[in-house]
Amino acid sequence: VQLQASGGGLVQAGGSLRLSCVASGRTISTYAMGWFRQAPGKEREFVAAISWSGGTTDYADSVKGRFTISRDNAQRTVYLRMNILKPEDTAVYYCAAEGAGLITRTLDSYDFWGQGTLVTVSS
């Protein structure tokens, strides 16, 4: 599975962005999908995850209520809608696929990773 993340950019605090992650190579309909982020000088951290069916989601406390993860298996795409962005949301955002179809916050559980897209939130 190859993952291509896009949609990052520069936005003012309080603004919104929608990230997309398109899969190629094989279907992701049986994979759980996750979004992670890595700010400069910090470790990569969990942001959100969605089950293979889209029926279950999980969010980091820092983004709960502001971010929404969704997926369109027919389009092989996973989205991360980010609202009320804050400067501390600035990071490179990565999408990842977990082959067992189980939602997890553990980086090592994910089998495939995209290249990342940069989100910069100005104050």
PDB file of N, CA and C in Angstrom:
ATOM      1  N   VAL A   1       0.851  -1.184   0.000  1.00  0.00           N
ATOM      2  CA  VAL A   1       0.000   0.000   0.000  1.00  0.00           C
ATOM      3  C   VAL A   1       0.890   1.238   0.000  1.00  0.00           C
ATOM      4  N   GLN A   2       0.620   2.146  -0.927  1.00  0.00           N
ATOM      5  CA  GLN A   2       1.295   3.446  -0.928  1.00  0.00           C
ATOM      6  C   GLN A   2       0.278   4.509  -0.516  1.00  0.00           C
ATOM      7  N   LEU A   3       0.706   5.385   0.373  1.00  0.00           N
ATOM      8  CA  LEU A   3      -0.185   6.424   0.893  1.00  0.00           C
ATOM      9  C   LEU A   3       0.363   7.791   0.524  1.00  0.00           C
ATOM     10  N   GLN A   4      -0.509   8.652   0.045  1.00  0.00           N
ATOM     11  CA  GLN A   4      -0.129  10.001  -0.359  1.00  0.00           C
ATOM     12  C   GLN A   4      -0.989  10.998   0.394  1.00  0.00           C
ATOM     13  N   ALA A   5      -0.367  11.730   1.301  1.00  0.00           N
ATOM     14  CA  ALA A   5      -1.086  12.736   2.073  1.00  0.00           C
ATOM     15  C   ALA A   5      -0.965  14.089   1.406  1.00  0.00           C
ATOM     16  N   SER A   6      -2.021  14.878   1.502  1.00  0.00           N
ATOM     17  CA  SER A   6      -2.027  16.222   0.928  1.00  0.00           C
ATOM     18  C   SER A   6      -2.998  17.091   1.698  1.00  0.00           C
ATOM     19  N   GLY A   7      -2.984  18.383   1.384  1.00  0.00           N
ATOM     20  CA  GLY A   7      -3.938  19.310   1.975  1.00  0.00           C
ATOM     21  C   GLY A   7      -3.367  20.226   3.028  1.00  0.00           C
ATOM     22  N   GLY A   8      -2.104  20.040   3.373  1.00  0.00           N
ATOM     23  CA  GLY A   8      -1.494  20.921   4.345  1.00  0.00           C
ATOM     24  C   GLY A   8      -1.270  22.313   3.782  1.00  0.00           C
ATOM     25  N   GLY A   9      -0.898  23.220   4.655  1.00  0.00           N
ATOM     26  CA  GLY A   9      -0.644  24.582   4.231  1.00  0.00           C
ATOM     27  C   GLY A   9      -0.526  25.506   5.415  1.00  0.00           C
ATOM     28  N   LEU A  10      -0.526  26.802   5.115  1.00  0.00           N
ATOM     29  CA  LEU A  10      -0.439  27.844   6.134  1.00  0.00           C
ATOM     30  C   LEU A  10      -1.840  28.391   6.393  1.00  0.00           C
ATOM     31  N   VAL A  11      -2.216  28.438   7.653  1.00  0.00           N
ATOM     32  CA  VAL A  11      -3.543  28.926   8.023  1.00  0.00           C
ATOM     33  C   VAL A  11      -3.431  29.722   9.317  1.00  0.00           C
ATOM     34  N   GLN A  12      -4.310  30.703   9.490  1.00  0.00           N
ATOM     35  CA  GLN A  12      -4.315  31.476  10.730  1.00  0.00           C
ATOM     36  C   GLN A  12      -5.014  30.703  11.837  1.00  0.00           C
ATOM     37  N   ALA A  13      -4.652  31.025  13.035  1.00  0.00           N
ATOM     38  CA  ALA A  13      -5.311  30.404  14.182  1.00  0.00           C
ATOM     39  C   ALA A  13      -6.819  30.624  14.093  1.00  0.00           C
ATOM     40  N   GLY A  14      -7.559  29.571  14.397  1.00  0.00           N
ATOM     41  CA  GLY A  14      -9.006  29.625  14.278  1.00  0.00           C
ATOM     42  C   GLY A  14      -9.529  29.132  12.947  1.00  0.00           C
ATOM     43  N   GLY A  15      -8.631  28.949  12.003  1.00  0.00           N
ATOM     44  CA  GLY A  15      -9.021  28.512  10.674  1.00  0.00           C
ATOM     45  C   GLY A  15      -9.172  27.000  10.574  1.00  0.00           C
ATOM     46  N   SER A  16      -9.410  26.550   9.348  1.00  0.00           N
ATOM     47  CA  SER A  16      -9.673  25.132   9.093  1.00  0.00           C
ATOM     48  C   SER A  16      -8.852  24.640   7.895  1.00  0.00           C
ATOM     49  N   LEU A  17      -8.598  23.354   7.916  1.00  0.00           N
ATOM     50  CA  LEU A  17      -7.973  22.659   6.794  1.00  0.00           C
ATOM     51  C   LEU A  17      -8.547  21.251   6.728  1.00  0.00           C
ATOM     52  N   ARG A  18      -8.517  20.680   5.535  1.00  0.00           N
ATOM     53  CA  ARG A  18      -8.879  19.276   5.400  1.00  0.00           C
ATOM     54  C   ARG A  18      -7.727  18.547   4.734  1.00  0.00           C
ATOM     55  N   LEU A  19      -7.198  17.571   5.433  1.00  0.00           N
ATOM     56  CA  LEU A  19      -6.150  16.729   4.887  1.00  0.00           C
ATOM     57  C   LEU A  19      -6.772  15.511   4.216  1.00  0.00           C
ATOM     58  N   SER A  20      -6.117  15.051   3.160  1.00  0.00           N
ATOM     59  CA  SER A  20      -6.549  13.844   2.461  1.00  0.00           C
ATOM     60  C   SER A  20      -5.387  12.863   2.402  1.00  0.00           C
ATOM     61  N   CYS A  21      -5.728  11.610   2.403  1.00  0.00           N
ATOM     62  CA  CYS A  21      -4.729  10.545   2.278  1.00  0.00           C
ATOM     63  C   CYS A  21      -5.281   9.528   1.288  1.00  0.00           C
ATOM     64  N   VAL A  22      -4.641   9.446   0.126  1.00  0.00           N
ATOM     65  CA  VAL A  22      -5.104   8.555  -0.928  1.00  0.00           C
ATOM     66  C   VAL A  22      -4.204   7.334  -0.979  1.00  0.00           C
ATOM     67  N   ALA A  23      -4.820   6.173  -1.025  1.00  0.00           N
ATOM     68  CA  ALA A  23      -4.079   4.913  -1.065  1.00  0.00           C
ATOM     69  C   ALA A  23      -4.035   4.368  -2.480  1.00  0.00           C
ATOM     70  N   SER A  24      -2.923   3.773  -2.817  1.00  0.00           N
ATOM     71  CA  SER A  24      -2.789   3.085  -4.090  1.00  0.00           C
ATOM     72  C   SER A  24      -2.066   1.769  -3.855  1.00  0.00           C
ATOM     73  N   GLY A  25      -2.140   0.906  -4.827  1.00  0.00           N
ATOM     74  CA  GLY A  25      -1.468  -0.375  -4.707  1.00  0.00           C
ATOM     75  C   GLY A  25      -2.397  -1.503  -4.316  1.00  0.00           C
ATOM     76  N   ARG A  26      -3.280  -1.230  -3.378  1.00  0.00           N
ATOM     77  CA  ARG A  26      -4.293  -2.200  -3.000  1.00  0.00           C
ATOM     78  C   ARG A  26      -5.378  -1.466  -2.225  1.00  0.00           C
ATOM     79  N   THR A  27      -6.503  -2.102  -2.084  1.00  0.00           N
ATOM     80  CA  THR A  27      -7.589  -1.485  -1.347  1.00  0.00           C
ATOM     81  C   THR A  27      -7.251  -1.358   0.131  1.00  0.00           C
ATOM     82  N   ILE A  28      -7.745  -0.323   0.760  1.00  0.00           N
ATOM     83  CA  ILE A  28      -7.556  -0.134   2.193  1.00  0.00           C
ATOM     84  C   ILE A  28      -8.843  -0.415   2.958  1.00  0.00           C
ATOM     85  N   SER A  29      -9.814  -1.021   2.294  1.00  0.00           N
ATOM     86  CA  SER A  29     -11.129  -1.193   2.909  1.00  0.00           C
ATOM     87  C   SER A  29     -11.105  -2.077   4.142  1.00  0.00           C
ATOM     88  N   THR A  30     -10.060  -2.895   4.318  1.00  0.00           N
ATOM     89  CA  THR A  30      -9.961  -3.751   5.502  1.00  0.00           C
ATOM     90  C   THR A  30      -8.952  -3.219   6.519  1.00  0.00           C
ATOM     91  N   TYR A  31      -8.383  -2.060   6.237  1.00  0.00           N
ATOM     92  CA  TYR A  31      -7.355  -1.494   7.103  1.00  0.00           C
ATOM     93  C   TYR A  31      -7.962  -0.438   8.028  1.00  0.00           C
ATOM     94  N   ALA A  32      -7.516  -0.430   9.264  1.00  0.00           N
ATOM     95  CA  ALA A  32      -7.729   0.750  10.082  1.00  0.00           C
ATOM     96  C   ALA A  32      -6.744   1.814   9.611  1.00  0.00           C
ATOM     97  N   MET A  33      -7.162   3.066   9.727  1.00  0.00           N
ATOM     98  CA  MET A  33      -6.323   4.167   9.265  1.00  0.00           C
ATOM     99  C   MET A  33      -6.109   5.167  10.397  1.00  0.00           C
ATOM    100  N   GLY A  34      -4.937   5.757  10.403  1.00  0.00           N
ATOM    101  CA  GLY A  34      -4.639   6.729  11.450  1.00  0.00           C
ATOM    102  C   GLY A  34      -3.948   7.953  10.899  1.00  0.00           C
ATOM    103  N   TRP A  35      -4.074   9.018  11.647  1.00  0.00           N
ATOM    104  CA  TRP A  35      -3.312  10.251  11.397  1.00  0.00           C
ATOM    105  C   TRP A  35      -2.417  10.494  12.611  1.00  0.00           C
ATOM    106  N   PHE A  36      -1.179  10.838  12.309  1.00  0.00           N
ATOM    107  CA  PHE A  36      -0.210  11.186  13.338  1.00  0.00           C
ATOM    108  C   PHE A  36       0.416  12.518  12.962  1.00  0.00           C
ATOM    109  N   ARG A  37       1.099  13.150  13.891  1.00  0.00           N
ATOM    110  CA  ARG A  37       1.784  14.392  13.576  1.00  0.00           C
ATOM    111  C   ARG A  37       3.111  14.467  14.332  1.00  0.00           C
ATOM    112  N   GLN A  38       3.999  15.243  13.748  1.00  0.00           N
ATOM    113  CA  GLN A  38       5.305  15.429  14.375  1.00  0.00           C
ATOM    114  C   GLN A  38       5.698  16.891  14.258  1.00  0.00           C
ATOM    115  N   ALA A  39       5.782  17.542  15.398  1.00  0.00           N
ATOM    116  CA  ALA A  39       6.209  18.932  15.451  1.00  0.00           C
ATOM    117  C   ALA A  39       7.736  18.980  15.532  1.00  0.00           C
ATOM    118  N   PRO A  40       8.333  20.094  15.149  1.00  0.00           N
ATOM    119  CA  PRO A  40       9.794  20.204  15.202  1.00  0.00           C
ATOM    120  C   PRO A  40      10.331  19.915  16.598  1.00  0.00           C
ATOM    121  N   GLY A  41      11.318  19.027  16.666  1.00  0.00           N
ATOM    122  CA  GLY A  41      11.943  18.702  17.931  1.00  0.00           C
ATOM    123  C   GLY A  41      11.151  17.786  18.832  1.00  0.00           C
ATOM    124  N   LYS A  42      10.016  17.298  18.341  1.00  0.00           N
ATOM    125  CA  LYS A  42       9.175  16.430  19.171  1.00  0.00           C
ATOM    126  C   LYS A  42       8.995  15.077  18.503  1.00  0.00           C
ATOM    127  N   GLU A  43       8.531  14.121  19.288  1.00  0.00           N
ATOM    128  CA  GLU A  43       8.256  12.798  18.757  1.00  0.00           C
ATOM    129  C   GLU A  43       6.926  12.797  17.995  1.00  0.00           C
ATOM    130  N   ARG A  44       6.814  11.842  17.109  1.00  0.00           N
ATOM    131  CA  ARG A  44       5.560  11.676  16.377  1.00  0.00           C
ATOM    132  C   ARG A  44       4.482  11.221  17.361  1.00  0.00           C
ATOM    133  N   GLU A  45       3.300  11.821  17.233  1.00  0.00           N
ATOM    134  CA  GLU A  45       2.228  11.517  18.168  1.00  0.00           C
ATOM    135  C   GLU A  45       0.934  11.192  17.451  1.00  0.00           C
ATOM    136  N   PHE A  46       0.111  10.425  18.116  1.00  0.00           N
ATOM    137  CA  PHE A  46      -1.190  10.027  17.602  1.00  0.00           C
ATOM    138  C   PHE A  46      -2.128  11.232  17.556  1.00  0.00           C
ATOM    139  N   VAL A  47      -2.914  11.297  16.480  1.00  0.00           N
ATOM    140  CA  VAL A  47      -3.931  12.346  16.349  1.00  0.00           C
ATOM    141  C   VAL A  47      -5.333  11.736  16.307  1.00  0.00           C
ATOM    142  N   ALA A  48      -5.546  10.814  15.378  1.00  0.00           N
ATOM    143  CA  ALA A  48      -6.876  10.232  15.212  1.00  0.00           C
ATOM    144  C   ALA A  48      -6.766   8.914  14.464  1.00  0.00           C
ATOM    145  N   ALA A  49      -7.769   8.063  14.652  1.00  0.00           N
ATOM    146  CA  ALA A  49      -7.809   6.788  13.946  1.00  0.00           C
ATOM    147  C   ALA A  49      -9.253   6.413  13.652  1.00  0.00           C
ATOM    148  N   ILE A  50      -9.424   5.583  12.625  1.00  0.00           N
ATOM    149  CA  ILE A  50     -10.761   5.159  12.220  1.00  0.00           C
ATOM    150  C   ILE A  50     -10.709   3.695  11.839  1.00  0.00           C
ATOM    151  N   SER A  51     -11.742   2.959  12.210  1.00  0.00           N
ATOM    152  CA  SER A  51     -11.795   1.532  11.906  1.00  0.00           C
ATOM    153  C   SER A  51     -12.022   1.321  10.416  1.00  0.00           C
ATOM    154  N   TRP A  52     -11.881   0.061   9.986  1.00  0.00           N
ATOM    155  CA  TRP A  52     -11.995  -0.230   8.566  1.00  0.00           C
ATOM    156  C   TRP A  52     -13.362   0.146   8.011  1.00  0.00           C
ATOM    157  N   SER A  53     -14.390   0.042   8.822  1.00  0.00           N
ATOM    158  CA  SER A  53     -15.742   0.348   8.361  1.00  0.00           C
ATOM    159  C   SER A  53     -16.094   1.824   8.525  1.00  0.00           C
ATOM    160  N   GLY A  54     -15.299   2.528   9.299  1.00  0.00           N
ATOM    161  CA  GLY A  54     -15.640   3.907   9.615  1.00  0.00           C
ATOM    162  C   GLY A  54     -16.557   4.039  10.809  1.00  0.00           C
ATOM    163  N   GLY A  55     -16.930   2.919  11.387  1.00  0.00           N
ATOM    164  CA  GLY A  55     -17.898   2.957  12.468  1.00  0.00           C
ATOM    165  C   GLY A  55     -17.333   3.340  13.819  1.00  0.00           C
ATOM    166  N   THR A  56     -16.030   3.236  13.960  1.00  0.00           N
ATOM    167  CA  THR A  56     -15.374   3.568  15.233  1.00  0.00           C
ATOM    168  C   THR A  56     -14.241   4.534  14.986  1.00  0.00           C
ATOM    169  N   THR A  57     -14.170   5.549  15.806  1.00  0.00           N
ATOM    170  CA  THR A  57     -13.088   6.518  15.707  1.00  0.00           C
ATOM    171  C   THR A  57     -12.477   6.760  17.086  1.00  0.00           C
ATOM    172  N   ASP A  58     -11.282   7.303  17.066  1.00  0.00           N
ATOM    173  CA  ASP A  58     -10.572   7.617  18.305  1.00  0.00           C
ATOM    174  C   ASP A  58      -9.771   8.886  18.063  1.00  0.00           C
ATOM    175  N   TYR A  59      -9.701   9.731  19.079  1.00  0.00           N
ATOM    176  CA  TYR A  59      -9.008  11.006  18.939  1.00  0.00           C
ATOM    177  C   TYR A  59      -8.116  11.263  20.145  1.00  0.00           C
ATOM    178  N   ALA A  60      -7.004  11.903  19.892  1.00  0.00           N
ATOM    179  CA  ALA A  60      -6.192  12.407  20.992  1.00  0.00           C
ATOM    180  C   ALA A  60      -6.974  13.490  21.719  1.00  0.00           C
ATOM    181  N   ASP A  61      -6.769  13.599  23.004  1.00  0.00           N
ATOM    182  CA  ASP A  61      -7.494  14.593  23.790  1.00  0.00           C
ATOM    183  C   ASP A  61      -7.265  16.009  23.262  1.00  0.00           C
ATOM    184  N   SER A  62      -6.071  16.254  22.744  1.00  0.00           N
ATOM    185  CA  SER A  62      -5.721  17.603  22.298  1.00  0.00           C
ATOM    186  C   SER A  62      -6.497  18.056  21.076  1.00  0.00           C
ATOM    187  N   VAL A  63      -7.107  17.118  20.340  1.00  0.00           N
ATOM    188  CA  VAL A  63      -7.828  17.494  19.116  1.00  0.00           C
ATOM    189  C   VAL A  63      -9.307  17.136  19.181  1.00  0.00           C
ATOM    190  N   LYS A  64      -9.708  16.443  20.227  1.00  0.00           N
ATOM    191  CA  LYS A  64     -11.102  16.002  20.335  1.00  0.00           C
ATOM    192  C   LYS A  64     -12.037  17.204  20.311  1.00  0.00           C
ATOM    193  N   GLY A  65     -13.059  17.099  19.481  1.00  0.00           N
ATOM    194  CA  GLY A  65     -14.018  18.192  19.347  1.00  0.00           C
ATOM    195  C   GLY A  65     -13.646  19.203  18.279  1.00  0.00           C
ATOM    196  N   ARG A  66     -12.413  19.147  17.791  1.00  0.00           N
ATOM    197  CA  ARG A  66     -11.967  20.080  16.742  1.00  0.00           C
ATOM    198  C   ARG A  66     -11.661  19.355  15.433  1.00  0.00           C
ATOM    199  N   PHE A  67     -11.158  18.136  15.527  1.00  0.00           N
ATOM    200  CA  PHE A  67     -10.784  17.358  14.343  1.00  0.00           C
ATOM    201  C   PHE A  67     -11.777  16.233  14.127  1.00  0.00           C
ATOM    202  N   THR A  68     -11.981  15.881  12.851  1.00  0.00           N
ATOM    203  CA  THR A  68     -12.851  14.765  12.494  1.00  0.00           C
ATOM    204  C   THR A  68     -12.170  13.906  11.443  1.00  0.00           C
ATOM    205  N   ILE A  69     -12.056  12.626  11.735  1.00  0.00           N
ATOM    206  CA  ILE A  69     -11.501  11.686  10.770  1.00  0.00           C
ATOM    207  C   ILE A  69     -12.647  10.964  10.076  1.00  0.00           C
ATOM    208  N   SER A  70     -12.503  10.743   8.777  1.00  0.00           N
ATOM    209  CA  SER A  70     -13.521  10.024   8.016  1.00  0.00           C
ATOM    210  C   SER A  70     -12.835   9.293   6.877  1.00  0.00           C
ATOM    211  N   ARG A  71     -13.575   8.430   6.206  1.00  0.00           N
ATOM    212  CA  ARG A  71     -12.983   7.662   5.120  1.00  0.00           C
ATOM    213  C   ARG A  71     -14.031   7.369   4.053  1.00  0.00           C
ATOM    214  N   ASP A  72     -13.529   7.186   2.851  1.00  0.00           N
ATOM    215  CA  ASP A  72     -14.343   6.772   1.711  1.00  0.00           C
ATOM    216  C   ASP A  72     -13.610   5.609   1.073  1.00  0.00           C
ATOM    217  N   ASN A  73     -14.022   4.403   1.413  1.00  0.00           N
ATOM    218  CA  ASN A  73     -13.293   3.221   0.942  1.00  0.00           C
ATOM    219  C   ASN A  73     -13.380   3.066  -0.580  1.00  0.00           C
ATOM    220  N   ALA A  74     -14.470   3.480  -1.161  1.00  0.00           N
ATOM    221  CA  ALA A  74     -14.599   3.392  -2.618  1.00  0.00           C
ATOM    222  C   ALA A  74     -13.568   4.273  -3.313  1.00  0.00           C
ATOM    223  N   GLN A  75     -13.238   5.403  -2.683  1.00  0.00           N
ATOM    224  CA  GLN A  75     -12.248   6.322  -3.230  1.00  0.00           C
ATOM    225  C   GLN A  75     -10.857   6.080  -2.650  1.00  0.00           C
ATOM    226  N   ARG A  76     -10.747   5.085  -1.753  1.00  0.00           N
ATOM    227  CA  ARG A  76      -9.462   4.759  -1.130  1.00  0.00           C
ATOM    228  C   ARG A  76      -8.850   5.985  -0.456  1.00  0.00           C
ATOM    229  N   THR A  77      -9.686   6.746   0.189  1.00  0.00           N
ATOM    230  CA  THR A  77      -9.238   8.008   0.751  1.00  0.00           C
ATOM    231  C   THR A  77      -9.681   8.135   2.201  1.00  0.00           C
ATOM    232  N   VAL A  78      -8.784   8.685   3.012  1.00  0.00           N
ATOM    233  CA  VAL A  78      -9.078   9.015   4.392  1.00  0.00           C
ATOM    234  C   VAL A  78      -8.876  10.514   4.554  1.00  0.00           C
ATOM    235  N   TYR A  79      -9.758  11.125   5.340  1.00  0.00           N
ATOM    236  CA  TYR A  79      -9.716  12.568   5.522  1.00  0.00           C
ATOM    237  C   TYR A  79      -9.484  12.917   6.992  1.00  0.00           C
ATOM    238  N   LEU A  80      -8.923  14.081   7.196  1.00  0.00           N
ATOM    239  CA  LEU A  80      -8.848  14.664   8.530  1.00  0.00           C
ATOM    240  C   LEU A  80      -9.288  16.111   8.417  1.00  0.00           C
ATOM    241  N   ARG A  81     -10.473  16.378   8.900  1.00  0.00           N
ATOM    242  CA  ARG A  81     -10.983  17.735   8.921  1.00  0.00           C
ATOM    243  C   ARG A  81     -10.519  18.383  10.215  1.00  0.00           C
ATOM    244  N   MET A  82      -9.841  19.516  10.093  1.00  0.00           N
ATOM    245  CA  MET A  82      -9.277  20.201  11.248  1.00  0.00           C
ATOM    246  C   MET A  82      -9.885  21.579  11.370  1.00  0.00           C
ATOM    247  N   ASN A  83     -10.611  21.806  12.441  1.00  0.00           N
ATOM    248  CA  ASN A  83     -11.242  23.095  12.702  1.00  0.00           C
ATOM    249  C   ASN A  83     -10.622  23.758  13.927  1.00  0.00           C
ATOM    250  N   ILE A  84     -10.852  25.033  14.055  1.00  0.00           N
ATOM    251  CA  ILE A  84     -10.376  25.817  15.200  1.00  0.00           C
ATOM    252  C   ILE A  84      -8.893  25.521  15.445  1.00  0.00           C
ATOM    253  N   LEU A  85      -8.120  25.650  14.388  1.00  0.00           N
ATOM    254  CA  LEU A  85      -6.702  25.309  14.484  1.00  0.00           C
ATOM    255  C   LEU A  85      -5.968  26.263  15.416  1.00  0.00           C
ATOM    256  N   LYS A  86      -4.991  25.711  16.093  1.00  0.00           N
ATOM    257  CA  LYS A  86      -4.186  26.456  17.058  1.00  0.00           C
ATOM    258  C   LYS A  86      -2.718  26.390  16.630  1.00  0.00           C
ATOM    259  N   PRO A  87      -1.911  27.355  17.052  1.00  0.00           N
ATOM    260  CA  PRO A  87      -0.484  27.300  16.703  1.00  0.00           C
ATOM    261  C   PRO A  87       0.177  25.987  17.125  1.00  0.00           C
ATOM    262  N   GLU A  88      -0.289  25.398  18.215  1.00  0.00           N
ATOM    263  CA  GLU A  88       0.306  24.138  18.673  1.00  0.00           C
ATOM    264  C   GLU A  88      -0.067  22.944  17.801  1.00  0.00           C
ATOM    265  N   ASP A  89      -0.947  23.158  16.833  1.00  0.00           N
ATOM    266  CA  ASP A  89      -1.258  22.107  15.853  1.00  0.00           C
ATOM    267  C   ASP A  89      -0.243  22.068  14.722  1.00  0.00           C
ATOM    268  N   THR A  90       0.663  23.030  14.690  1.00  0.00           N
ATOM    269  CA  THR A  90       1.692  23.071  13.653  1.00  0.00           C
ATOM    270  C   THR A  90       2.556  21.827  13.715  1.00  0.00           C
ATOM    271  N   ALA A  91       2.646  21.125  12.593  1.00  0.00           N
ATOM    272  CA  ALA A  91       3.387  19.861  12.537  1.00  0.00           C
ATOM    273  C   ALA A  91       3.321  19.314  11.122  1.00  0.00           C
ATOM    274  N   VAL A  92       4.126  18.298  10.884  1.00  0.00           N
ATOM    275  CA  VAL A  92       3.957  17.479   9.693  1.00  0.00           C
ATOM    276  C   VAL A  92       2.979  16.367  10.051  1.00  0.00           C
ATOM    277  N   TYR A  93       1.943  16.241   9.244  1.00  0.00           N
ATOM    278  CA  TYR A  93       0.903  15.256   9.489  1.00  0.00           C
ATOM    279  C   TYR A  93       1.090  14.060   8.568  1.00  0.00           C
ATOM    280  N   TYR A  94       1.027  12.867   9.167  1.00  0.00           N
ATOM    281  CA  TYR A  94       1.227  11.625   8.443  1.00  0.00           C
ATOM    282  C   TYR A  94      -0.022  10.757   8.545  1.00  0.00           C
ATOM    283  N   CYS A  95      -0.361  10.101   7.438  1.00  0.00           N
ATOM    284  CA  CYS A  95      -1.398   9.086   7.506  1.00  0.00           C
ATOM    285  C   CYS A  95      -0.723   7.707   7.513  1.00  0.00           C
ATOM    286  N   ALA A  96      -1.427   6.745   8.066  1.00  0.00           N
ATOM    287  CA  ALA A  96      -0.871   5.411   8.210  1.00  0.00           C
ATOM    288  C   ALA A  96      -1.985   4.374   8.139  1.00  0.00           C
ATOM    289  N   ALA A  97      -1.619   3.174   7.720  1.00  0.00           N
ATOM    290  CA  ALA A  97      -2.574   2.081   7.564  1.00  0.00           C
ATOM    291  C   ALA A  97      -2.177   0.904   8.452  1.00  0.00           C
ATOM    292  N   GLU A  98      -3.171   0.357   9.142  1.00  0.00           N
ATOM    293  CA  GLU A  98      -2.959  -0.764  10.070  1.00  0.00           C
ATOM    294  C   GLU A  98      -3.662  -1.985   9.507  1.00  0.00           C
ATOM    295  N   GLY A  99      -2.892  -3.031   9.198  1.00  0.00           N
ATOM    296  CA  GLY A  99      -3.391  -4.151   8.418  1.00  0.00           C
ATOM    297  C   GLY A  99      -4.390  -5.057   9.095  1.00  0.00           C
ATOM    298  N   ALA A 100      -4.412  -5.082  10.424  1.00  0.00           N
ATOM    299  CA  ALA A 100      -5.349  -5.965  11.119  1.00  0.00           C
ATOM    300  C   ALA A 100      -6.734  -5.340  11.247  1.00  0.00           C
ATOM    301  N   GLY A 101      -6.868  -4.077  10.858  1.00  0.00           N
ATOM    302  CA  GLY A 101      -8.176  -3.422  10.913  1.00  0.00           C
ATOM    303  C   GLY A 101      -8.565  -2.938  12.291  1.00  0.00           C
ATOM    304  N   LEU A 102      -7.592  -2.888  13.212  1.00  0.00           N
ATOM    305  CA  LEU A 102      -7.886  -2.528  14.591  1.00  0.00           C
ATOM    306  C   LEU A 102      -7.405  -1.109  14.881  1.00  0.00           C
ATOM    307  N   ILE A 103      -8.253  -0.324  15.476  1.00  0.00           N
ATOM    308  CA  ILE A 103      -7.856   1.024  15.875  1.00  0.00           C
ATOM    309  C   ILE A 103      -6.793   0.935  16.965  1.00  0.00           C
ATOM    310  N   THR A 104      -5.736   1.680  16.782  1.00  0.00           N
ATOM    311  CA  THR A 104      -4.687   1.713  17.796  1.00  0.00           C
ATOM    312  C   THR A 104      -3.996   3.066  17.760  1.00  0.00           C
ATOM    313  N   ARG A 105      -3.453   3.472  18.899  1.00  0.00           N
ATOM    314  CA  ARG A 105      -2.688   4.710  18.984  1.00  0.00           C
ATOM    315  C   ARG A 105      -1.187   4.436  18.884  1.00  0.00           C
ATOM    316  N   THR A 106      -0.828   3.181  18.759  1.00  0.00           N
ATOM    317  CA  THR A 106       0.580   2.780  18.783  1.00  0.00           C
ATOM    318  C   THR A 106       1.201   2.868  17.395  1.00  0.00           C
ATOM    319  N   LEU A 107       2.228   3.693  17.267  1.00  0.00           N
ATOM    320  CA  LEU A 107       2.865   3.893  15.959  1.00  0.00           C
ATOM    321  C   LEU A 107       3.348   2.576  15.369  1.00  0.00           C
ATOM    322  N   ASP A 108       3.955   1.742  16.180  1.00  0.00           N
ATOM    323  CA  ASP A 108       4.567   0.521  15.671  1.00  0.00           C
ATOM    324  C   ASP A 108       3.550  -0.469  15.115  1.00  0.00           C
ATOM    325  N   SER A 109       2.282  -0.264  15.421  1.00  0.00           N
ATOM    326  CA  SER A 109       1.240  -1.165  14.930  1.00  0.00           C
ATOM    327  C   SER A 109       0.861  -0.879  13.485  1.00  0.00           C
ATOM    328  N   TYR A 110       1.258   0.259  12.976  1.00  0.00           N
ATOM    329  CA  TYR A 110       0.884   0.651  11.614  1.00  0.00           C
ATOM    330  C   TYR A 110       1.901   0.120  10.620  1.00  0.00           C
ATOM    331  N   ASP A 111       1.378  -0.422   9.537  1.00  0.00           N
ATOM    332  CA  ASP A 111       2.208  -1.130   8.567  1.00  0.00           C
ATOM    333  C   ASP A 111       2.714  -0.241   7.430  1.00  0.00           C
ATOM    334  N   PHE A 112       1.946   0.745   7.085  1.00  0.00           N
ATOM    335  CA  PHE A 112       2.284   1.601   5.949  1.00  0.00           C
ATOM    336  C   PHE A 112       2.119   3.059   6.354  1.00  0.00           C
ATOM    337  N   TRP A 113       3.020   3.907   5.836  1.00  0.00           N
ATOM    338  CA  TRP A 113       3.012   5.323   6.159  1.00  0.00           C
ATOM    339  C   TRP A 113       3.101   6.165   4.894  1.00  0.00           C
ATOM    340  N   GLY A 114       2.403   7.299   4.920  1.00  0.00           N
ATOM    341  CA  GLY A 114       2.557   8.278   3.865  1.00  0.00           C
ATOM    342  C   GLY A 114       3.745   9.182   4.144  1.00  0.00           C
ATOM    343  N   GLN A 115       3.984  10.109   3.233  1.00  0.00           N
ATOM    344  CA  GLN A 115       5.184  10.935   3.297  1.00  0.00           C
ATOM    345  C   GLN A 115       5.020  12.177   4.172  1.00  0.00           C
ATOM    346  N   GLY A 116       3.808  12.510   4.547  1.00  0.00           N
ATOM    347  CA  GLY A 116       3.580  13.664   5.405  1.00  0.00           C
ATOM    348  C   GLY A 116       3.225  14.916   4.635  1.00  0.00           C
ATOM    349  N   THR A 117       2.417  15.754   5.277  1.00  0.00           N
ATOM    350  CA  THR A 117       2.061  17.049   4.718  1.00  0.00           C
ATOM    351  C   THR A 117       2.156  18.072   5.847  1.00  0.00           C
ATOM    352  N   LEU A 118       2.753  19.229   5.563  1.00  0.00           N
ATOM    353  CA  LEU A 118       3.041  20.222   6.574  1.00  0.00           C
ATOM    354  C   LEU A 118       1.851  21.141   6.824  1.00  0.00           C
ATOM    355  N   VAL A 119       1.482  21.265   8.078  1.00  0.00           N
ATOM    356  CA  VAL A 119       0.449  22.204   8.505  1.00  0.00           C
ATOM    357  C   VAL A 119       1.112  23.246   9.397  1.00  0.00           C
ATOM    358  N   THR A 120       0.948  24.515   9.031  1.00  0.00           N
ATOM    359  CA  THR A 120       1.503  25.606   9.822  1.00  0.00           C
ATOM    360  C   THR A 120       0.370  26.537  10.219  1.00  0.00           C
ATOM    361  N   VAL A 121       0.221  26.737  11.516  1.00  0.00           N
ATOM    362  CA  VAL A 121      -0.839  27.595  12.029  1.00  0.00           C
ATOM    363  C   VAL A 121      -0.184  28.825  12.649  1.00  0.00           C
ATOM    364  N   SER A 122      -0.499  29.973  12.093  1.00  0.00           N
ATOM    365  CA  SER A 122       0.081  31.223  12.598  1.00  0.00           C
ATOM    366  C   SER A 122      -0.834  31.846  13.646  1.00  0.00           C
ATOM    367  N   SER A 123      -0.216  32.533  14.591  1.00  0.00           N
ATOM    368  CA  SER A 123      -1.000  33.151  15.673  1.00  0.00           C
ATOM    369  C   SER A 123      -1.427  34.562  15.313  1.00  0.00           C
TER     370      SER A 123
END
